PDB file of N, CA and C in Angstrom:
ATOM      1  N   MET A   1       0.839  -1.169   0.014  1.00  0.00           N
ATOM      2  CA  MET A   1      -0.002  -0.017   0.022  1.00  0.00           C
ATOM      3  C   MET A   1       0.863   1.238   0.037  1.00  0.00           C
ATOM      4  N   HIS A   2       0.402   2.219  -0.700  1.00  0.00           N
ATOM      5  CA  HIS A   2       1.133   3.450  -0.709  1.00  0.00           C
ATOM      6  C   HIS A   2       0.224   4.631  -0.305  1.00  0.00           C
ATOM      7  N   TYR A   3       0.676   5.446   0.624  1.00  0.00           N
ATOM      8  CA  TYR A   3      -0.112   6.573   1.055  1.00  0.00           C
ATOM      9  C   TYR A   3       0.724   7.859   0.902  1.00  0.00           C
ATOM     10  N   THR A   4       0.005   8.962   0.608  1.00  0.00           N
ATOM     11  CA  THR A   4       0.681  10.225   0.395  1.00  0.00           C
ATOM     12  C   THR A   4       0.588  11.062   1.676  1.00  0.00           C
ATOM     13  N   VAL A   5       1.744  11.532   2.141  1.00  0.00           N
ATOM     14  CA  VAL A   5       1.848  12.369   3.303  1.00  0.00           C
ATOM     15  C   VAL A   5       1.900  13.814   2.812  1.00  0.00           C
ATOM     16  N   GLU A   6       0.920  14.632   3.227  1.00  0.00           N
ATOM     17  CA  GLU A   6       0.884  16.022   2.859  1.00  0.00           C
ATOM     18  C   GLU A   6       1.402  16.815   4.094  1.00  0.00           C
ATOM     19  N   THR A   7       2.186  17.814   3.800  1.00  0.00           N
ATOM     20  CA  THR A   7       2.761  18.626   4.866  1.00  0.00           C
ATOM     21  C   THR A   7       2.519  20.094   4.580  1.00  0.00           C
ATOM     22  N   GLU A   8       2.506  20.887   5.671  1.00  0.00           N
ATOM     23  CA  GLU A   8       2.316  22.284   5.576  1.00  0.00           C
ATOM     24  C   GLU A   8       2.901  22.953   6.798  1.00  0.00           C
ATOM     25  N   ARG A   9       3.492  24.101   6.586  1.00  0.00           N
ATOM     26  CA  ARG A   9       4.092  24.805   7.704  1.00  0.00           C
ATOM     27  C   ARG A   9       3.096  25.787   8.221  1.00  0.00           C
ATOM     28  N   GLU A  10       2.826  25.777   9.520  1.00  0.00           N
ATOM     29  CA  GLU A  10       1.855  26.680  10.194  1.00  0.00           C
ATOM     30  C   GLU A  10       2.538  28.077  10.389  1.00  0.00           C
ATOM     31  N   GLU A  11       1.697  29.080  10.674  1.00  0.00           N
ATOM     32  CA  GLU A  11       2.190  30.408  10.875  1.00  0.00           C
ATOM     33  C   GLU A  11       3.128  30.500  12.075  1.00  0.00           C
ATOM     34  N   ASP A  12       2.889  29.608  13.098  1.00  0.00           N
ATOM     35  CA  ASP A  12       3.744  29.648  14.246  1.00  0.00           C
ATOM     36  C   ASP A  12       5.087  28.839  14.123  1.00  0.00           C
ATOM     37  N   GLY A  13       5.277  28.303  12.893  1.00  0.00           N
ATOM     38  CA  GLY A  13       6.571  27.626  12.650  1.00  0.00           C
ATOM     39  C   GLY A  13       6.498  26.098  12.758  1.00  0.00           C
ATOM     40  N   ARG A  14       5.405  25.606  13.363  1.00  0.00           N
ATOM     41  CA  ARG A  14       5.234  24.134  13.490  1.00  0.00           C
ATOM     42  C   ARG A  14       4.895  23.532  12.077  1.00  0.00           C
ATOM     43  N   TRP A  15       5.151  22.308  11.944  1.00  0.00           N
ATOM     44  CA  TRP A  15       4.795  21.601  10.721  1.00  0.00           C
ATOM     45  C   TRP A  15       3.645  20.653  11.012  1.00  0.00           C
ATOM     46  N   ILE A  16       2.788  20.504  10.046  1.00  0.00           N
ATOM     47  CA  ILE A  16       1.672  19.585  10.195  1.00  0.00           C
ATOM     48  C   ILE A  16       1.758  18.600   9.061  1.00  0.00           C
ATOM     49  N   ALA A  17       1.586  17.318   9.381  1.00  0.00           N
ATOM     50  CA  ALA A  17       1.627  16.226   8.355  1.00  0.00           C
ATOM     51  C   ALA A  17       0.302  15.474   8.498  1.00  0.00           C
ATOM     52  N   GLU A  18      -0.253  15.094   7.310  1.00  0.00           N
ATOM     53  CA  GLU A  18      -1.529  14.461   7.251  1.00  0.00           C
ATOM     54  C   GLU A  18      -1.566  13.433   6.201  1.00  0.00           C
ATOM     55  N   ILE A  19      -2.245  12.305   6.404  1.00  0.00           N
ATOM     56  CA  ILE A  19      -2.474  11.265   5.427  1.00  0.00           C
ATOM     57  C   ILE A  19      -3.949  11.232   5.184  1.00  0.00           C
ATOM     58  N   ASP A  20      -4.398  11.807   4.123  1.00  0.00           N
ATOM     59  CA  ASP A  20      -5.866  11.949   3.861  1.00  0.00           C
ATOM     60  C   ASP A  20      -6.614  10.663   3.786  1.00  0.00           C
ATOM     61  N   ALA A  21      -5.983   9.620   3.289  1.00  0.00           N
ATOM     62  CA  ALA A  21      -6.533   8.333   3.118  1.00  0.00           C
ATOM     63  C   ALA A  21      -6.815   7.574   4.445  1.00  0.00           C
ATOM     64  N   ILE A  22      -6.276   8.064   5.548  1.00  0.00           N
ATOM     65  CA  ILE A  22      -6.432   7.453   6.835  1.00  0.00           C
ATOM     66  C   ILE A  22      -7.043   8.513   7.767  1.00  0.00           C
ATOM     67  N   PRO A  23      -8.370   8.432   7.990  1.00  0.00           N
ATOM     68  CA  PRO A  23      -9.015   9.406   8.859  1.00  0.00           C
ATOM     69  C   PRO A  23      -8.300   9.515  10.243  1.00  0.00           C
ATOM     70  N   GLY A  24      -8.086  10.728  10.618  1.00  0.00           N
ATOM     71  CA  GLY A  24      -7.446  10.968  11.924  1.00  0.00           C
ATOM     72  C   GLY A  24      -5.938  10.943  11.951  1.00  0.00           C
ATOM     73  N   ALA A  25      -5.319  10.648  10.758  1.00  0.00           N
ATOM     74  CA  ALA A  25      -3.882  10.606  10.698  1.00  0.00           C
ATOM     75  C   ALA A  25      -3.332  12.009  10.406  1.00  0.00           C
ATOM     76  N   LEU A  26      -3.165  12.763  11.481  1.00  0.00           N
ATOM     77  CA  LEU A  26      -2.708  14.164  11.381  1.00  0.00           C
ATOM     78  C   LEU A  26      -1.871  14.402  12.617  1.00  0.00           C
ATOM     79  N   CYS A  27      -0.660  14.947  12.408  1.00  0.00           N
ATOM     80  CA  CYS A  27       0.269  15.172  13.516  1.00  0.00           C
ATOM     81  C   CYS A  27       1.094  16.434  13.256  1.00  0.00           C
ATOM     82  N   TYR A  28       1.414  17.086  14.397  1.00  0.00           N
ATOM     83  CA  TYR A  28       2.282  18.241  14.350  1.00  0.00           C
ATOM     84  C   TYR A  28       3.716  17.837  14.746  1.00  0.00           C
ATOM     85  N   GLY A  29       4.674  18.653  14.287  1.00  0.00           N
ATOM     86  CA  GLY A  29       6.066  18.462  14.673  1.00  0.00           C
ATOM     87  C   GLY A  29       6.816  19.769  14.645  1.00  0.00           C
ATOM     88  N   ALA A  30       7.856  19.832  15.405  1.00  0.00           N
ATOM     89  CA  ALA A  30       8.704  21.072  15.451  1.00  0.00           C
ATOM     90  C   ALA A  30       9.442  21.208  14.086  1.00  0.00           C
ATOM     91  N   SER A  31       9.701  20.078  13.429  1.00  0.00           N
ATOM     92  CA  SER A  31      10.340  20.170  12.141  1.00  0.00           C
ATOM     93  C   SER A  31       9.551  19.316  11.045  1.00  0.00           C
ATOM     94  N   HIS A  32       9.866  19.500   9.825  1.00  0.00           N
ATOM     95  CA  HIS A  32       9.230  18.747   8.761  1.00  0.00           C
ATOM     96  C   HIS A  32       9.419  17.266   8.997  1.00  0.00           C
ATOM     97  N   ASP A  33      10.629  16.809   9.256  1.00  0.00           N
ATOM     98  CA  ASP A  33      10.947  15.437   9.408  1.00  0.00           C
ATOM     99  C   ASP A  33      10.178  14.844  10.671  1.00  0.00           C
ATOM    100  N   GLU A  34      10.133  15.640  11.716  1.00  0.00           N
ATOM    101  CA  GLU A  34       9.373  15.192  12.968  1.00  0.00           C
ATOM    102  C   GLU A  34       7.956  14.966  12.661  1.00  0.00           C
ATOM    103  N   ALA A  35       7.341  15.906  11.951  1.00  0.00           N
ATOM    104  CA  ALA A  35       5.911  15.782  11.654  1.00  0.00           C
ATOM    105  C   ALA A  35       5.620  14.543  10.793  1.00  0.00           C
ATOM    106  N   ILE A  36       6.509  14.289   9.816  1.00  0.00           N
ATOM    107  CA  ILE A  36       6.318  13.074   8.984  1.00  0.00           C
ATOM    108  C   ILE A  36       6.483  11.829   9.820  1.00  0.00           C
ATOM    109  N   ALA A  37       7.530  11.750  10.623  1.00  0.00           N
ATOM    110  CA  ALA A  37       7.787  10.573  11.425  1.00  0.00           C
ATOM    111  C   ALA A  37       6.571  10.294  12.365  1.00  0.00           C
ATOM    112  N   ARG A  38       6.011  11.360  12.970  1.00  0.00           N
ATOM    113  CA  ARG A  38       4.903  11.193  13.853  1.00  0.00           C
ATOM    114  C   ARG A  38       3.657  10.664  13.150  1.00  0.00           C
ATOM    115  N   VAL A  39       3.405  11.193  11.999  1.00  0.00           N
ATOM    116  CA  VAL A  39       2.149  10.750  11.258  1.00  0.00           C
ATOM    117  C   VAL A  39       2.322   9.345  10.717  1.00  0.00           C
ATOM    118  N   GLU A  40       3.555   9.029  10.340  1.00  0.00           N
ATOM    119  CA  GLU A  40       3.790   7.610   9.865  1.00  0.00           C
ATOM    120  C   GLU A  40       3.560   6.659  10.998  1.00  0.00           C
ATOM    121  N   ALA A  41       4.063   6.980  12.203  1.00  0.00           N
ATOM    122  CA  ALA A  41       3.884   6.140  13.344  1.00  0.00           C
ATOM    123  C   ALA A  41       2.424   5.987  13.728  1.00  0.00           C
ATOM    124  N   LEU A  42       1.719   7.104  13.649  1.00  0.00           N
ATOM    125  CA  LEU A  42       0.251   7.090  13.947  1.00  0.00           C
ATOM    126  C   LEU A  42      -0.451   6.244  12.898  1.00  0.00           C
ATOM    127  N   ALA A  43      -0.118   6.346  11.666  1.00  0.00           N
ATOM    128  CA  ALA A  43      -0.786   5.625  10.620  1.00  0.00           C
ATOM    129  C   ALA A  43      -0.553   4.134  10.796  1.00  0.00           C
ATOM    130  N   LEU A  44       0.583   3.741  11.230  1.00  0.00           N
ATOM    131  CA  LEU A  44       0.880   2.276  11.462  1.00  0.00           C
ATOM    132  C   LEU A  44      -0.016   1.824  12.653  1.00  0.00           C
ATOM    133  N   ARG A  45      -0.176   2.604  13.688  1.00  0.00           N
ATOM    134  CA  ARG A  45      -1.032   2.180  14.809  1.00  0.00           C
ATOM    135  C   ARG A  45      -2.501   2.076  14.335  1.00  0.00           C
ATOM    136  N   VAL A  46      -2.939   3.016  13.530  1.00  0.00           N
ATOM    137  CA  VAL A  46      -4.306   2.971  13.075  1.00  0.00           C
ATOM    138  C   VAL A  46      -4.535   1.769  12.178  1.00  0.00           C
ATOM    139  N   LEU A  47      -3.655   1.493  11.281  1.00  0.00           N
ATOM    140  CA  LEU A  47      -3.797   0.327  10.431  1.00  0.00           C
ATOM    141  C   LEU A  47      -3.684  -1.003  11.226  1.00  0.00           C
ATOM    142  N   ALA A  48      -2.805  -1.024  12.198  1.00  0.00           N
ATOM    143  CA  ALA A  48      -2.728  -2.237  13.026  1.00  0.00           C
ATOM    144  C   ALA A  48      -3.996  -2.521  13.783  1.00  0.00           C
ATOM    145  N   GLU A  49      -4.696  -1.467  14.211  1.00  0.00           N
ATOM    146  CA  GLU A  49      -5.959  -1.650  14.985  1.00  0.00           C
ATOM    147  C   GLU A  49      -7.037  -2.211  14.069  1.00  0.00           C
ATOM    148  N   ARG A  50      -6.921  -1.955  12.712  1.00  0.00           N
ATOM    149  CA  ARG A  50      -7.942  -2.464  11.772  1.00  0.00           C
ATOM    150  C   ARG A  50      -7.772  -3.946  11.512  1.00  0.00           C
ATOM    151  N   ILE A  51      -6.621  -4.542  11.810  1.00  0.00           N
ATOM    152  CA  ILE A  51      -6.364  -5.902  11.516  1.00  0.00           C
ATOM    153  C   ILE A  51      -7.036  -6.739  12.671  1.00  0.00           C
ATOM    154  N   GLU A  52      -7.810  -7.654  12.283  1.00  0.00           N
ATOM    155  CA  GLU A  52      -8.470  -8.491  13.309  1.00  0.00           C
ATOM    156  C   GLU A  52      -7.492  -9.532  13.767  1.00  0.00           C
ATOM    157  N   PRO A  53      -7.498  -9.794  15.074  1.00  0.00           N
ATOM    158  CA  PRO A  53      -6.617 -10.796  15.629  1.00  0.00           C
ATOM    159  C   PRO A  53      -6.938 -12.191  15.104  1.00  0.00           C
ATOM    160  N   ILE A  54      -5.912 -13.005  14.949  1.00  0.00           N
ATOM    161  CA  ILE A  54      -6.068 -14.362  14.531  1.00  0.00           C
ATOM    162  C   ILE A  54      -6.361 -15.227  15.755  1.00  0.00           C
ATOM    163  N   THR A  55      -7.403 -16.049  15.612  1.00  0.00           N
ATOM    164  CA  THR A  55      -7.789 -16.962  16.681  1.00  0.00           C
ATOM    165  C   THR A  55      -7.269 -18.346  16.312  1.00  0.00           C
ATOM    166  N   ILE A  56      -6.408 -18.861  17.155  1.00  0.00           N
ATOM    167  CA  ILE A  56      -5.927 -20.207  16.911  1.00  0.00           C
ATOM    168  C   ILE A  56      -6.659 -21.143  17.857  1.00  0.00           C
ATOM    169  N   THR A  57      -7.259 -22.200  17.249  1.00  0.00           N
ATOM    170  CA  THR A  57      -8.019 -23.157  18.126  1.00  0.00           C
ATOM    171  C   THR A  57      -7.381 -24.522  17.969  1.00  0.00           C
TER     172      THR A  57
END
C-alpha cells in the first residue's frame, strides 16, 4: 500500500503532516521530518488496529 503524506508549515513555525486516506492521521512536529515521522507512526497504529486478531483453536 502507498499513502501520500501532505505537509504544511503553520504560521507559528510548526509543521503539520496528514495522510488523507487514513481518517485521523494528522500530527504536528517542530520540524518537517518530525511531523512526517509522527504521522507515519500514527498511521501504522491505526492500520494495526484495523487488523483482526487471529484466533488459533
